[in-house]
C-alpha atoms as a PDB file:
ATOM      1  CA  MET A   1       0.379   2.893 -12.272  1.00  0.00           C
ATOM      2  CA  ILE A   2       1.383   4.611  -9.350  1.00  0.00           C
ATOM      3  CA  GLY A   3       5.005   7.069  -9.703  1.00  0.00           C
ATOM      4  CA  SER A   4       7.862   3.502 -11.079  1.00  0.00           C
ATOM      5  CA  ILE A   5       6.417   1.170  -9.993  1.00  0.00           C
ATOM      6  CA  THR A   6       6.730  -1.223 -12.576  1.00  0.00           C
ATOM      7  CA  VAL A   7       4.905  -4.443 -13.427  1.00  0.00           C
ATOM      8  CA  VAL A   8       7.045  -6.587 -12.115  1.00  0.00           C
ATOM      9  CA  ASN A   9       6.262  -4.954  -8.639  1.00  0.00           C
ATOM     10  CA  ILE A  10       2.503  -4.410  -8.982  1.00  0.00           C
ATOM     11  CA  SER A  11       2.864  -8.804  -9.211  1.00  0.00           C
ATOM     12  CA  ALA A  12       3.870  -8.492  -6.136  1.00  0.00           C
ATOM     13  CA  ILE A  13       2.177  -5.801  -3.855  1.00  0.00           C
ATOM     14  CA  ASP A  14      -1.346  -6.157  -2.751  1.00  0.00           C
ATOM     15  CA  LEU A  15      -3.744  -3.526  -1.847  1.00  0.00           C
ATOM     16  CA  ASN A  16      -3.392  -3.872   1.211  1.00  0.00           C
ATOM     17  CA  LEU A  17      -0.757  -3.146   1.406  1.00  0.00           C
ATOM     18  CA  LEU A  18      -0.999   0.487  -0.453  1.00  0.00           C
ATOM     19  CA  HIS A  19      -3.428   1.103   2.182  1.00  0.00           C
ATOM     20  CA  VAL A  20      -1.420   0.461   5.458  1.00  0.00           C
ATOM     21  CA  LEU A  21       0.796   3.461   3.564  1.00  0.00           C
ATOM     22  CA  HIS A  22      -2.649   5.871   3.384  1.00  0.00           C
ATOM     23  CA  ALA A  23      -2.648   5.135   6.974  1.00  0.00           C
ATOM     24  CA  VAL A  24       0.753   6.063   8.093  1.00  0.00           C
ATOM     25  CA  LEU A  25       1.286   8.675   5.567  1.00  0.00           C
ATOM     26  CA  GLU A  26      -2.463  10.596   6.357  1.00  0.00           C
ATOM     27  CA  GLU A  27      -2.081   9.325  10.810  1.00  0.00           C
ATOM     28  CA  GLY A  28       2.114  10.680  10.876  1.00  0.00           C
ATOM     29  CA  SER A  29       2.981   7.234  13.053  1.00  0.00           C
ATOM     30  CA  ALA A  30       2.887   4.026  12.490  1.00  0.00           C
ATOM     31  CA  THR A  31       1.018   3.741  15.991  1.00  0.00           C
ATOM     32  CA  GLY A  32      -1.964   5.772  14.249  1.00  0.00           C
ATOM     33  CA  ALA A  33      -1.963   3.800  12.424  1.00  0.00           C
ATOM     34  CA  ALA A  34      -2.089   0.158  13.523  1.00  0.00           C
ATOM     35  CA  LYS A  35      -5.041   1.905  15.545  1.00  0.00           C
ATOM     36  CA  ARG A  36      -6.710   3.081  12.374  1.00  0.00           C
ATOM     37  CA  LEU A  37      -6.735  -0.283  10.916  1.00  0.00           C
ATOM     38  CA  HIS A  38      -7.001  -2.244  13.771  1.00  0.00           C
ATOM     39  CA  VAL A  39      -3.871  -4.238  13.055  1.00  0.00           C
ATOM     40  CA  THR A  40      -1.200  -4.531  15.250  1.00  0.00           C
ATOM     41  CA  GLN A  41       1.758  -1.756  15.116  1.00  0.00           C
ATOM     42  CA  SER A  42       4.315  -4.508  13.745  1.00  0.00           C
ATOM     43  CA  ALA A  43       2.093  -5.415  11.070  1.00  0.00           C
ATOM     44  CA  VAL A  44       2.838  -1.568  10.217  1.00  0.00           C
ATOM     45  CA  SER A  45       5.637  -2.410  10.458  1.00  0.00           C
ATOM     46  CA  ASN A  46       6.554  -5.240   7.869  1.00  0.00           C
ATOM     47  CA  ALA A  47       4.428  -3.783   5.634  1.00  0.00           C
ATOM     48  CA  LEU A  48       6.732  -0.153   5.558  1.00  0.00           C
ATOM     49  CA  ALA A  49       9.205  -2.278   4.835  1.00  0.00           C
ATOM     50  CA  ARG A  50       8.550  -4.768   2.421  1.00  0.00           C
ATOM     51  CA  LEU A  51       6.713  -1.287   0.036  1.00  0.00           C
ATOM     52  CA  ARG A  52      10.030   0.714   0.716  1.00  0.00           C
ATOM     53  CA  GLN A  53      11.694  -3.233  -1.184  1.00  0.00           C
ATOM     54  CA  VAL A  54       8.993  -2.011  -3.435  1.00  0.00           C
ATOM     55  CA  PHE A  55       9.373   1.744  -4.275  1.00  0.00           C
ATOM     56  CA  ALA A  56      13.384   1.716  -3.905  1.00  0.00           C
ATOM     57  CA  ASP A  57      12.753   4.405  -1.388  1.00  0.00           C
ATOM     58  CA  PRO A  58      12.368   4.517   2.992  1.00  0.00           C
ATOM     59  CA  LEU A  59       9.463   5.981   2.630  1.00  0.00           C
ATOM     60  CA  VAL A  60       8.597   7.506   6.397  1.00  0.00           C
ATOM     61  CA  VAL A  61      11.951   8.274   9.023  1.00  0.00           C
ATOM     62  CA  ARG A  62      11.542   8.141  12.059  1.00  0.00           C
ATOM     63  CA  HIS A  63      12.325  11.981  13.822  1.00  0.00           C
ATOM     64  CA  ALA A  64      10.740  13.414  17.017  1.00  0.00           C
ATOM     65  CA  ARG A  65       7.706  14.343  15.989  1.00  0.00           C
ATOM     66  CA  GLY A  66       6.948  10.604  14.417  1.00  0.00           C
ATOM     67  CA  LEU A  67       7.098   9.231  11.144  1.00  0.00           C
ATOM     68  CA  ILE A  68       8.270  12.073   8.619  1.00  0.00           C
ATOM     69  CA  PRO A  69       7.712  10.991   4.906  1.00  0.00           C
ATOM     70  CA  THR A  70      10.611  11.130   1.885  1.00  0.00           C
ATOM     71  CA  PRO A  71       9.840  13.705  -0.686  1.00  0.00           C
ATOM     72  CA  ARG A  72       8.979  10.416  -3.180  1.00  0.00           C
ATOM     73  CA  ALA A  73       6.077   9.464  -0.679  1.00  0.00           C
ATOM     74  CA  LEU A  74       4.850  12.897   0.051  1.00  0.00           C
ATOM     75  CA  THR A  75       3.372  12.527  -4.335  1.00  0.00           C
ATOM     76  CA  LEU A  76       2.907   9.142  -3.218  1.00  0.00           C
ATOM     77  CA  LYS A  77      -0.288  10.893  -1.097  1.00  0.00           C
ATOM     78  CA  PRO A  78      -2.403  12.332  -2.953  1.00  0.00           C
ATOM     79  CA  GLU A  79      -2.263   9.055  -5.766  1.00  0.00           C
ATOM     80  CA  LEU A  80      -2.925   7.364  -2.906  1.00  0.00           C
ATOM     81  CA  SER A  81      -5.911   8.480  -2.388  1.00  0.00           C
ATOM     82  CA  ALA A  82      -7.029   8.565  -5.270  1.00  0.00           C
ATOM     83  CA  ILE A  83      -6.832   5.010  -5.514  1.00  0.00           C
ATOM     84  CA  LEU A  84      -8.105   4.152  -3.006  1.00  0.00           C
ATOM     85  CA  GLY A  85     -10.570   5.950  -3.227  1.00  0.00           C
ATOM     86  CA  SER A  86     -11.879   4.772  -6.587  1.00  0.00           C
ATOM     87  CA  VAL A  87     -11.311   0.395  -5.728  1.00  0.00           C
ATOM     88  CA  GLY A  88     -13.407   1.813  -2.665  1.00  0.00           C
ATOM     89  CA  LYS A  89     -16.108   2.547  -5.344  1.00  0.00           C
ATOM     90  CA  LEU A  90     -15.543  -0.068  -7.140  1.00  0.00           C
ATOM     91  CA  LEU A  91     -16.376  -2.411  -3.775  1.00  0.00           C
ATOM     92  CA  GLU A  92     -19.859  -0.421  -3.397  1.00  0.00           C
ATOM     93  CA  LYS A  93     -22.830  -1.749  -3.274  1.00  0.00           C
ATOM     94  CA  PRO A  94     -24.812  -1.012  -6.363  1.00  0.00           C
ATOM     95  CA  ALA A  95     -27.393   1.158  -6.014  1.00  0.00           C
ATOM     96  CA  GLY A  96     -31.271  -0.912  -6.838  1.00  0.00           C
ATOM     97  CA  PHE A  97     -32.866  -1.250  -9.753  1.00  0.00           C
ATOM     98  CA  ASP A  98     -35.592   1.719 -10.810  1.00  0.00           C
ATOM     99  CA  PRO A  99     -37.633   0.164 -13.323  1.00  0.00           C
ATOM    100  CA  ALA A 100     -39.727   4.051 -12.817  1.00  0.00           C
ATOM    101  CA  THR A 101     -36.539   5.645 -13.450  1.00  0.00           C
ATOM    102  CA  THR A 102     -34.129   3.252 -15.767  1.00  0.00           C
ATOM    103  CA  THR A 103     -33.143   4.217 -19.219  1.00  0.00           C
ATOM    104  CA  ARG A 104     -31.674   0.782 -19.205  1.00  0.00           C
ATOM    105  CA  VAL A 105     -31.765  -0.745 -23.366  1.00  0.00           C
ATOM    106  CA  PHE A 106     -33.533  -4.458 -22.940  1.00  0.00           C
ATOM    107  CA  THR A 107     -33.240  -6.814 -26.044  1.00  0.00           C
ATOM    108  CA  VAL A 108     -35.202  -9.634 -26.536  1.00  0.00           C
ATOM    109  CA  ALA A 109     -34.165 -12.389 -30.146  1.00  0.00           C
ATOM    110  CA  CYS A 110     -37.263 -14.174 -31.097  1.00  0.00           C
ATOM    111  CA  ALA A 111     -38.156 -15.402 -34.121  1.00  0.00           C
ATOM    112  CA  ASP A 112     -41.591 -12.752 -35.067  1.00  0.00           C
ATOM    113  CA  TYR A 113     -43.720 -15.202 -34.417  1.00  0.00           C
ATOM    114  CA  CYS A 114     -42.504 -14.703 -30.668  1.00  0.00           C
ATOM    115  CA  THR A 115     -43.155 -10.830 -31.629  1.00  0.00           C
ATOM    116  CA  ALA A 116     -46.693 -10.947 -32.761  1.00  0.00           C
ATOM    117  CA  ILE A 117     -47.703 -13.443 -30.106  1.00  0.00           C
ATOM    118  CA  LEU A 118     -46.040 -11.545 -26.591  1.00  0.00           C
ATOM    119  CA  GLY A 119     -44.939  -7.935 -28.707  1.00  0.00           C
ATOM    120  CA  PRO A 120     -47.817  -6.263 -28.098  1.00  0.00           C
ATOM    121  CA  ALA A 121     -48.033  -7.129 -24.237  1.00  0.00           C
ATOM    122  CA  LEU A 122     -44.760  -6.746 -23.264  1.00  0.00           C
ATOM    123  CA  ALA A 123     -44.114  -3.403 -25.523  1.00  0.00           C
ATOM    124  CA  GLU A 124     -47.086  -1.966 -23.579  1.00  0.00           C
ATOM    125  CA  LEU A 125     -45.970  -2.812 -19.222  1.00  0.00           C
ATOM    126  CA  MET A 126     -42.929  -1.457 -20.988  1.00  0.00           C
ATOM    127  CA  ARG A 127     -44.570   1.338 -21.881  1.00  0.00           C
ATOM    128  CA  THR A 128     -46.335   1.834 -17.572  1.00  0.00           C
ATOM    129  CA  ARG A 129     -43.732   0.028 -16.033  1.00  0.00           C
ATOM    130  CA  ALA A 130     -40.143   1.117 -16.716  1.00  0.00           C
ATOM    131  CA  PRO A 131     -41.639   3.923 -19.575  1.00  0.00           C
ATOM    132  CA  LEU A 132     -37.968   5.890 -19.872  1.00  0.00           C
ATOM    133  CA  ALA A 133     -37.030   1.887 -21.001  1.00  0.00           C
ATOM    134  CA  SER A 134     -36.262   0.703 -24.632  1.00  0.00           C
ATOM    135  CA  LEU A 135     -37.008  -2.398 -25.737  1.00  0.00           C
ATOM    136  CA  HIS A 136     -35.379  -3.782 -29.439  1.00  0.00           C
ATOM    137  CA  MET A 137     -36.766  -7.211 -30.510  1.00  0.00           C
ATOM    138  CA  VAL A 138     -34.646  -8.172 -33.108  1.00  0.00           C
ATOM    139  CA  THR A 139     -34.122 -12.122 -35.288  1.00  0.00           C
ATOM    140  CA  LEU A 140     -32.992 -15.206 -34.866  1.00  0.00           C
ATOM    141  CA  GLU A 141     -30.570 -14.380 -37.010  1.00  0.00           C
ATOM    142  CA  HIS A 142     -28.880 -11.562 -34.785  1.00  0.00           C
ATOM    143  CA  LEU A 143     -28.671 -13.875 -31.626  1.00  0.00           C
ATOM    144  CA  ALA A 144     -27.228 -16.486 -33.753  1.00  0.00           C
ATOM    145  CA  GLY A 145     -24.295 -13.396 -35.419  1.00  0.00           C
ATOM    146  CA  THR A 146     -23.207 -13.333 -32.017  1.00  0.00           C
ATOM    147  CA  GLU A 147     -21.839 -14.368 -28.780  1.00  0.00           C
ATOM    148  CA  GLY A 148     -25.741 -15.017 -28.304  1.00  0.00           C
ATOM    149  CA  LEU A 149     -26.906 -14.716 -24.780  1.00  0.00           C
ATOM    150  CA  ALA A 150     -23.339 -14.192 -23.570  1.00  0.00           C
ATOM    151  CA  SER A 151     -23.270 -10.798 -25.707  1.00  0.00           C
ATOM    152  CA  ASN A 152     -26.377  -8.040 -24.617  1.00  0.00           C
ATOM    153  CA  ILE A 153     -29.343 -10.033 -25.655  1.00  0.00           C
ATOM    154  CA  ASP A 154     -32.009 -10.631 -22.294  1.00  0.00           C
ATOM    155  CA  VAL A 155     -33.657 -13.580 -23.557  1.00  0.00           C
ATOM    156  CA  HIS A 156     -34.317 -15.354 -26.101  1.00  0.00           C
ATOM    157  CA  LEU A 157     -37.762 -16.648 -26.763  1.00  0.00           C
ATOM    158  CA  GLY A 158     -38.541 -19.565 -28.994  1.00  0.00           C
ATOM    159  CA  MET A 159     -38.856 -22.966 -29.264  1.00  0.00           C
ATOM    160  CA  PRO A 160     -34.761 -24.305 -29.486  1.00  0.00           C
ATOM    161  CA  PRO A 161     -33.811 -27.785 -30.049  1.00  0.00           C
ATOM    162  CA  ARG A 162     -31.974 -27.248 -26.787  1.00  0.00           C
ATOM    163  CA  VAL A 163     -30.770 -25.149 -23.909  1.00  0.00           C
ATOM    164  CA  PRO A 164     -26.738 -23.926 -24.208  1.00  0.00           C
ATOM    165  CA  ALA A 165     -24.648 -24.435 -22.325  1.00  0.00           C
ATOM    166  CA  GLY A 166     -24.135 -22.032 -19.684  1.00  0.00           C
ATOM    167  CA  CYS A 167     -27.659 -20.552 -19.690  1.00  0.00           C
ATOM    168  CA  HIS A 168     -31.179 -20.811 -17.729  1.00  0.00           C
ATOM    169  CA  SER A 169     -34.880 -21.568 -19.275  1.00  0.00           C
ATOM    170  CA  VAL A 170     -38.177 -21.937 -18.377  1.00  0.00           C
ATOM    171  CA  THR A 171     -41.148 -21.992 -20.257  1.00  0.00           C
ATOM    172  CA  LEU A 172     -43.875 -19.415 -21.124  1.00  0.00           C
ATOM    173  CA  PHE A 173     -46.418 -21.963 -22.985  1.00  0.00           C
ATOM    174  CA  GLN A 174     -47.481 -25.029 -24.815  1.00  0.00           C
ATOM    175  CA  ASP A 175     -49.809 -24.156 -28.151  1.00  0.00           C
ATOM    176  CA  SER A 176     -51.231 -26.119 -30.695  1.00  0.00           C
ATOM    177  CA  PHE A 177     -50.704 -25.954 -34.113  1.00  0.00           C
ATOM    178  CA  VAL A 178     -54.085 -24.638 -36.742  1.00  0.00           C
ATOM    179  CA  CYS A 179     -54.165 -24.903 -40.572  1.00  0.00           C
ATOM    180  CA  MET A 180     -54.591 -22.310 -42.370  1.00  0.00           C
ATOM    181  CA  LEU A 181     -56.534 -21.648 -45.691  1.00  0.00           C
ATOM    182  CA  ARG A 182     -58.267 -19.282 -48.073  1.00  0.00           C
ATOM    183  CA  LYS A 183     -61.656 -18.098 -46.992  1.00  0.00           C
ATOM    184  CA  GLY A 184     -64.702 -20.706 -48.063  1.00  0.00           C
ATOM    185  CA  ALA A 185     -62.314 -23.642 -47.682  1.00  0.00           C
ATOM    186  CA  PRO A 186     -64.367 -27.004 -46.606  1.00  0.00           C
ATOM    187  CA  LYS A 187     -65.751 -27.705 -43.261  1.00  0.00           C
ATOM    188  CA  ARG A 188     -63.441 -30.534 -42.838  1.00  0.00           C
ATOM    189  CA  LEU A 189     -60.475 -30.991 -43.712  1.00  0.00           C
ATOM    190  CA  SER A 190     -58.850 -34.918 -44.239  1.00  0.00           C
ATOM    191  CA  LEU A 191     -55.861 -35.955 -44.481  1.00  0.00           C
ATOM    192  CA  GLN A 192     -55.513 -36.753 -48.140  1.00  0.00           C
ATOM    193  CA  ASP A 193     -57.290 -33.422 -48.413  1.00  0.00           C
ATOM    194  CA  TYR A 194     -54.170 -32.393 -46.485  1.00  0.00           C
ATOM    195  CA  LEU A 195     -51.267 -34.491 -47.973  1.00  0.00           C
ATOM    196  CA  HIS A 196     -52.530 -33.694 -51.338  1.00  0.00           C
ATOM    197  CA  ALA A 197     -52.664 -29.544 -51.053  1.00  0.00           C
ATOM    198  CA  SER A 198     -49.686 -26.822 -51.465  1.00  0.00           C
ATOM    199  CA  HIS A 199     -48.084 -26.343 -48.300  1.00  0.00           C
ATOM    200  CA  ILE A 200     -46.460 -23.533 -46.898  1.00  0.00           C
ATOM    201  CA  ARG A 201     -42.956 -23.792 -44.502  1.00  0.00           C
ATOM    202  CA  VAL A 202     -41.289 -20.976 -43.082  1.00  0.00           C
ATOM    203  CA  SER A 203     -37.750 -22.512 -42.558  1.00  0.00           C
ATOM    204  CA  VAL A 204     -36.890 -20.815 -39.897  1.00  0.00           C
ATOM    205  CA  LEU A 205     -32.301 -20.262 -39.450  1.00  0.00           C
ATOM    206  CA  GLY A 206     -32.080 -21.875 -42.654  1.00  0.00           C
ATOM    207  CA  SER A 207     -34.108 -24.681 -41.890  1.00  0.00           C
ATOM    208  CA  THR A 208     -35.206 -27.482 -43.849  1.00  0.00           C
ATOM    209  CA  LYS A 209     -37.703 -29.582 -41.923  1.00  0.00           C
ATOM    210  CA  ASP A 210     -40.503 -29.095 -39.023  1.00  0.00           C
ATOM    211  CA  ALA A 211     -42.108 -29.665 -36.956  1.00  0.00           C
ATOM    212  CA  ILE A 212     -44.446 -31.025 -38.862  1.00  0.00           C
ATOM    213  CA  ASP A 213     -42.831 -32.820 -41.134  1.00  0.00           C
ATOM    214  CA  MET A 214     -41.542 -34.895 -38.163  1.00  0.00           C
ATOM    215  CA  VAL A 215     -44.398 -36.312 -37.373  1.00  0.00           C
ATOM    216  CA  LEU A 216     -45.090 -36.701 -41.149  1.00  0.00           C
ATOM    217  CA  ALA A 217     -42.294 -38.770 -41.351  1.00  0.00           C
ATOM    218  CA  LYS A 218     -42.350 -40.676 -38.085  1.00  0.00           C
ATOM    219  CA  ARG A 219     -45.856 -42.438 -39.861  1.00  0.00           C
ATOM    220  CA  SER A 220     -43.374 -42.795 -42.996  1.00  0.00           C
ATOM    221  CA  LEU A 221     -45.773 -39.491 -44.866  1.00  0.00           C
ATOM    222  CA  ALA A 222     -44.904 -36.100 -46.344  1.00  0.00           C
ATOM    223  CA  ARG A 223     -46.473 -33.389 -47.386  1.00  0.00           C
ATOM    224  CA  LYS A 224     -45.535 -31.479 -51.287  1.00  0.00           C
ATOM    225  CA  ILE A 225     -43.516 -28.099 -49.639  1.00  0.00           C
ATOM    226  CA  SER A 226     -44.223 -25.446 -52.866  1.00  0.00           C
ATOM    227  CA  LEU A 227     -43.410 -22.158 -50.604  1.00  0.00           C
ATOM    228  CA  VAL A 228     -41.025 -21.386 -48.220  1.00  0.00           C
ATOM    229  CA  VAL A 229     -41.085 -18.163 -46.613  1.00  0.00           C
ATOM    230  CA  ALA A 230     -38.800 -17.511 -43.636  1.00  0.00           C
ATOM    231  CA  HIS A 231     -41.368 -14.945 -41.434  1.00  0.00           C
ATOM    232  CA  PHE A 232     -44.977 -16.313 -40.574  1.00  0.00           C
ATOM    233  CA  SER A 233     -46.313 -12.447 -41.053  1.00  0.00           C
ATOM    234  CA  VAL A 234     -46.502 -13.490 -44.773  1.00  0.00           C
ATOM    235  CA  LEU A 235     -48.500 -16.781 -44.426  1.00  0.00           C
ATOM    236  CA  PRO A 236     -51.863 -15.275 -44.720  1.00  0.00           C
ATOM    237  CA  LEU A 237     -50.733 -13.150 -47.754  1.00  0.00           C
ATOM    238  CA  MET A 238     -49.708 -15.948 -49.304  1.00  0.00           C
ATOM    239  CA  VAL A 239     -52.882 -18.047 -48.369  1.00  0.00           C
ATOM    240  CA  GLU A 240     -55.058 -15.551 -49.006  1.00  0.00           C
ATOM    241  CA  ARG A 241     -53.046 -15.335 -52.878  1.00  0.00           C
ATOM    242  CA  THR A 242     -51.791 -19.124 -53.530  1.00  0.00           C
ATOM    243  CA  GLY A 243     -54.048 -20.743 -51.513  1.00  0.00           C
ATOM    244  CA  HIS A 244     -52.287 -23.152 -50.107  1.00  0.00           C
ATOM    245  CA  VAL A 245     -52.166 -24.378 -46.505  1.00  0.00           C
ATOM    246  CA  ALA A 246     -50.069 -23.320 -44.106  1.00  0.00           C
ATOM    247  CA  THR A 247     -49.840 -24.705 -40.436  1.00  0.00           C
ATOM    248  CA  LEU A 248     -48.683 -22.979 -37.796  1.00  0.00           C
ATOM    249  CA  SER A 249     -49.054 -21.890 -34.057  1.00  0.00           C
ATOM    250  CA  ARG A 250     -52.676 -21.910 -33.402  1.00  0.00           C
ATOM    251  CA  ARG A 251     -52.305 -18.343 -30.797  1.00  0.00           C
ATOM    252  CA  LEU A 252     -50.163 -17.059 -34.410  1.00  0.00           C
ATOM    253  CA  ALA A 253     -53.264 -17.646 -36.506  1.00  0.00           C
ATOM    254  CA  GLU A 254     -55.627 -17.090 -34.473  1.00  0.00           C
ATOM    255  CA  THR A 255     -54.336 -13.233 -34.271  1.00  0.00           C
ATOM    256  CA  GLN A 256     -53.670 -13.691 -38.346  1.00  0.00           C
ATOM    257  CA  ALA A 257     -57.451 -14.432 -38.774  1.00  0.00           C
ATOM    258  CA  ARG A 258     -59.081 -11.335 -37.941  1.00  0.00           C
ATOM    259  CA  ALA A 259     -58.156  -9.260 -39.981  1.00  0.00           C
ATOM    260  CA  PHE A 260     -57.385 -11.870 -42.838  1.00  0.00           C
ATOM    261  CA  ASP A 261     -59.265 -13.303 -45.311  1.00  0.00           C
ATOM    262  CA  VAL A 262     -58.119 -17.259 -43.534  1.00  0.00           C
ATOM    263  CA  GLU A 263     -60.067 -20.211 -42.838  1.00  0.00           C
ATOM    264  CA  LEU A 264     -58.947 -22.182 -39.321  1.00  0.00           C
ATOM    265  CA  ARG A 265     -59.460 -25.682 -39.552  1.00  0.00           C
ATOM    266  CA  GLU A 266     -58.081 -28.151 -37.102  1.00  0.00           C
ATOM    267  CA  PRO A 267     -54.894 -30.513 -39.057  1.00  0.00           C
ATOM    268  CA  PRO A 268     -56.918 -33.868 -39.774  1.00  0.00           C
ATOM    269  CA  LEU A 269     -53.893 -35.478 -38.006  1.00  0.00           C
ATOM    270  CA  GLN A 270     -52.337 -35.325 -33.872  1.00  0.00           C
ATOM    271  CA  LEU A 271     -49.245 -33.008 -33.689  1.00  0.00           C
ATOM    272  CA  GLY A 272     -49.354 -32.165 -30.154  1.00  0.00           C
ATOM    273  CA  THR A 273     -47.887 -29.020 -29.287  1.00  0.00           C
ATOM    274  CA  ARG A 274     -43.962 -27.587 -28.609  1.00  0.00           C
ATOM    275  CA  PRO A 275     -42.824 -25.422 -26.072  1.00  0.00           C
ATOM    276  CA  THR A 276     -42.208 -21.325 -26.435  1.00  0.00           C
ATOM    277  CA  ARG A 277     -39.422 -21.270 -23.792  1.00  0.00           C
ATOM    278  CA  MET A 278     -37.324 -18.200 -22.239  1.00  0.00           C
ATOM    279  CA  VAL A 279     -33.709 -18.569 -22.140  1.00  0.00           C
ATOM    280  CA  TRP A 280     -31.220 -16.510 -20.425  1.00  0.00           C
ATOM    281  CA  HIS A 281     -27.603 -16.927 -19.906  1.00  0.00           C
ATOM    282  CA  GLN A 282     -26.175 -17.796 -16.206  1.00  0.00           C
ATOM    283  CA  ARG A 283     -24.119 -13.967 -16.485  1.00  0.00           C
ATOM    284  CA  SER A 284     -27.743 -12.313 -16.734  1.00  0.00           C
ATOM    285  CA  GLU A 285     -29.085 -15.152 -13.388  1.00  0.00           C
ATOM    286  CA  ALA A 286     -29.013 -12.165 -10.322  1.00  0.00           C
ATOM    287  CA  ASP A 287     -29.033  -9.363 -12.154  1.00  0.00           C
ATOM    288  CA  PRO A 288     -32.354  -7.255 -10.527  1.00  0.00           C
ATOM    289  CA  GLY A 289     -32.440  -5.547 -14.297  1.00  0.00           C
ATOM    290  CA  ALA A 290     -32.824  -8.708 -16.157  1.00  0.00           C
ATOM    291  CA  LEU A 291     -35.224 -10.684 -13.236  1.00  0.00           C
ATOM    292  CA  PHE A 292     -37.363  -7.534 -13.223  1.00  0.00           C
ATOM    293  CA  PHE A 293     -37.282  -8.171 -17.883  1.00  0.00           C
ATOM    294  CA  ARG A 294     -37.759 -11.628 -17.041  1.00  0.00           C
ATOM    295  CA  ARG A 295     -40.977 -11.625 -14.896  1.00  0.00           C
ATOM    296  CA  LEU A 296     -42.103  -8.757 -16.876  1.00  0.00           C
ATOM    297  CA  VAL A 297     -41.598 -11.208 -20.098  1.00  0.00           C
ATOM    298  CA  GLN A 298     -43.434 -13.214 -18.020  1.00  0.00           C
ATOM    299  CA  GLU A 299     -47.069 -11.444 -17.170  1.00  0.00           C
ATOM    300  CA  ALA A 300     -47.508 -10.411 -20.772  1.00  0.00           C
ATOM    301  CA  THR A 301     -47.256 -13.925 -21.357  1.00  0.00           C
ATOM    302  CA  ALA A 302     -49.754 -14.715 -18.620  1.00  0.00           C
ATOM    303  CA  SER A 303     -52.082 -11.455 -19.993  1.00  0.00           C
ATOM    304  CA  ARG A 304     -51.652 -12.996 -23.564  1.00  0.00           C
ATOM    305  CA  SER A 305     -53.445 -15.868 -22.190  1.00  0.00           C
ATOM    306  CA  ARG A 306     -56.376 -14.568 -20.685  1.00  0.00           C
END
């Protein structure tokens, strides 16, 4: 606040008037201020008249040497310089984004499915392209418990049933399903065997059914769910111990099968494919740093596909 300008006065004044007063005090004349601002002298005089009403002070008085500032105007001069300088900085074009020097924190919300599939490649790219930045991979529960993508989360990776209002999305890849069984399972899994087996299902955000259940329901079929877990990462451990069947993303299953005593089999019926998408909020659509990060996610996806 300048001097004793009230909230009411501020609502009645515009920045141009303060700019005129600053020019008059700097130039010492209305003519000089008009030339500096590229306006007419009458425009400067009109602005001064309005300012006198706002400040309830003459601000400047005529003298043989031009316009002389009142004591009130002299106290305003340094404050005007500071305020107008701050506004100028506020309106400056932001400095360009430099991945090599940024210390920004990039946040991804996803299930551990995407963490396992894309996390290593994305972290490696971050290490080489933006070595001073940080990558935070948070849960979908975190996404649901905040303002979501309207908060500080850069992207959501997953299979959302719909793209929220005010958001954009792009498909990263399509994935099919495969069955994971304990070592030594039959080479072929029949539909009868599949339906009579005990199954493990991953519940994302407390869901009570998934894409497999919906495909079966369309054929008036159902599987026996003996175990529900919250994380995809525990599936091979559970399959090893229990002998239950897990039906999951082929990309994730192939990654896990290399490290555990499990075997993969083709499902006995067509389960289709599901798209994994990247979703982001409109607020970050044009942000250079956010754009860099989204491209990095897509590059990580491409490298994972090779």
